[in-house]
Amino acid sequence: MIIKKLPGIDLLFSTGFYTWIVLIMMMFHVSKRDFKGIVIYIPCLMVVASCVLSPQNGNVRYMKPVMLVIWIVVAAGIGYLEKNKITQND
């Protein structure tokens, strides 16, 4: 497929891209001292950990659950941060 070869778009087909998104968002919550927000990322982290520890490391088939829900999880994590920011200011 020609789309997989376009710069920038090819990242969406890479398993490492989603692993980095999960890790970066978790570290963002840690930097904000929002440890309850990390709970949202635990299922994705468990899938990533099982992929890293399995003999089939980097196989797209095993990363599909993370690839499908990562944008919902990131939106929920950002929404959780915004909600806590509003309640902390009151």
Protein backbone atom coordinates (compact mmCIF):
# COMPACT_ATOMS: atom_id res chain seq x y z
CA MET A 1 0.00 0.00 0.00
CA ILE A 2 1.36 3.41 -0.95
CA ILE A 3 -0.07 5.11 2.16
CA LYS A 4 2.26 3.11 4.41
CA LYS A 5 5.26 4.69 2.66
CA LEU A 6 4.25 8.35 3.16
CA PRO A 7 6.36 10.21 5.73
CA GLY A 8 4.44 10.83 8.94
CA ILE A 9 1.58 8.53 7.96
CA ASP A 10 3.88 5.52 8.23
CA LEU A 11 4.09 6.11 11.99
CA LEU A 12 0.44 5.13 12.33
CA PHE A 13 1.34 1.64 11.11
CA SER A 14 4.30 1.23 13.48
CA THR A 15 3.86 -0.60 16.79
CA GLY A 16 6.57 1.43 18.49
CA PHE A 17 4.67 4.67 17.93
CA TYR A 18 1.80 3.51 20.13
CA THR A 19 4.16 2.24 22.80
CA TRP A 20 5.77 5.67 23.00
CA ILE A 21 2.37 7.39 23.18
CA VAL A 22 1.39 5.24 26.17
CA LEU A 23 4.70 5.90 27.94
CA ILE A 24 4.73 9.65 27.21
CA MET A 25 1.16 10.11 28.42
CA MET A 26 1.89 8.16 31.60
CA MET A 27 4.96 10.30 32.29
CA PHE A 28 2.88 13.42 31.64
CA HIS A 29 0.47 12.33 34.36
CA VAL A 30 3.37 11.58 36.71
CA SER A 31 4.88 15.02 36.05
CA LYS A 32 1.55 16.60 37.00
CA ARG A 33 1.48 14.44 40.16
CA ASP A 34 -1.77 12.91 38.94
CA PHE A 35 -1.23 9.29 39.89
CA LYS A 36 -4.93 8.39 39.62
CA GLY A 37 -4.83 9.30 35.93
CA ILE A 38 -2.32 6.53 35.25
CA VAL A 39 -5.03 3.93 35.89
CA ILE A 40 -6.48 4.71 32.45
CA TYR A 41 -3.29 3.51 30.76
CA ILE A 42 -2.84 0.24 32.69
CA PRO A 43 -4.67 -1.99 30.15
CA CYS A 44 -2.60 -0.56 27.29
CA LEU A 45 0.56 -0.94 29.33
CA MET A 46 -0.28 -4.58 30.05
CA VAL A 47 -0.70 -5.29 26.32
CA VAL A 48 2.60 -3.53 25.58
CA ALA A 49 4.32 -5.50 28.35
CA SER A 50 2.98 -8.79 27.01
CA CYS A 51 4.24 -7.87 23.53
CA VAL A 52 7.69 -6.96 24.86
CA LEU A 53 7.97 -10.16 26.90
CA SER A 54 6.63 -12.48 24.20
CA PRO A 55 8.73 -14.08 21.46
CA GLN A 56 6.63 -12.23 18.84
CA ASN A 57 7.86 -8.76 19.82
CA GLY A 58 6.75 -6.02 17.42
CA ASN A 59 4.06 -8.06 15.67
CA VAL A 60 1.19 -5.77 14.68
CA ARG A 61 -1.36 -8.50 15.41
CA TYR A 62 -0.65 -8.35 19.14
CA MET A 63 -0.62 -4.54 19.29
CA LYS A 64 -4.00 -4.10 17.57
CA PRO A 65 -5.93 -3.63 20.86
CA VAL A 66 -3.66 -0.71 21.77
CA MET A 67 -3.74 0.67 18.25
CA LEU A 68 -7.54 0.72 18.27
CA VAL A 69 -8.16 2.31 21.67
CA ILE A 70 -5.15 4.60 22.15
CA TRP A 71 -6.90 7.73 20.86
CA ILE A 72 -9.89 7.16 23.16
CA VAL A 73 -7.56 6.53 26.10
CA VAL A 74 -5.48 9.63 25.38
CA ALA A 75 -8.65 11.76 25.09
CA ALA A 76 -9.91 10.33 28.39
CA GLY A 77 -6.55 11.03 30.05
CA ILE A 78 -6.45 14.62 28.85
CA GLY A 79 -10.08 15.10 29.88
CA TYR A 80 -9.25 13.75 33.33
CA LEU A 81 -6.39 16.24 33.65
CA GLU A 82 -8.66 19.12 32.56
CA LYS A 83 -11.36 18.08 35.02
CA ASN A 84 -8.88 17.95 37.89
CA LYS A 85 -7.39 21.31 36.90
CA ILE A 86 -10.83 22.93 37.06
CA THR A 87 -11.71 21.39 40.44
CA GLN A 88 -8.31 22.30 41.93
CA ASN A 89 -8.73 25.96 40.97
CA ASP A 90 -12.12 26.26 42.74
